[in-house]
């Protein structure tokens, strides 16, 4: 496993597992089994409605809590809830999270960011982050934060490398955590000749080559899966390295193609729609 050093000195595994779209049962199983096979980065969110299951999977794995880098995200309807952080910790069954994000630039997101800063100062979050804050949103936040975030979580893959955003991130030492790292499962990305050929060279799948590209770009990567075999493959990417020439060749694929297109109307909905949290 490779590790990233954050702008506050904390270390985070470069590859882990995401739990987006996983049912509680699948999330619990995937988290437990991935931790048993050496995974040390787990990502969830209020809105995934599987935080309790993630907490159970962590406990059942037998891995010490301090060895797991756990990240979750506050949903916009929680930004003005003074108990949001404590309620999130209760659902996860932990005293702290390693990384706490605000999930979307919706509603009173500045109040949400102040919650993160407060949690950071109180030791309830070891690092803080912003999710989906691109363009004008991160530009505005820069002028308002008291504590710079350690991470941003955004869509990133070889077709869309977040070139412009990374100029801002580099200025503050903010790390990027990729979602849709495999292009939302786009077959055309997986079948790009460069990944097919590199897969043959290194005896890896195209997906493994792409995930290795992410980590060599300095990104953390959190592909989600309920298939234990796929989870194992997704973590098995640190026994080879792409050369500078190969990274340059992959860079030519950046064409600005995105798979997620959020609208202003969706942001308005995010500000009022509240997840139906697990009861147990």
Foldseek 3Di string as FASTA:
>chain_A
DDWAQFPVRDIDDQEAAECAPPDLVLLLLQLLLLVLLPGAEYEEEQQSQNLLSNLNSVVNNPDDPVSHQYEYEYFLQCLPPLCRLVVSCVSNVHQAHQEYEHAEPFDPVLSNVVSVVVCCVVVRYVFYEYEPQDDPRVVVVVVPDPDDGREYEYADELQAHPVVVVVVCVVSRHAYEHDCHVVVPDPVSQPDVLLVVVCVVVVAGSLLVRLLLCVVVVHRYHYHDSDSVVSSSNVPNPPDHDDPVSNVVSNVNHNNDHDDDDDPVVSHVSNPDHHPHDPD
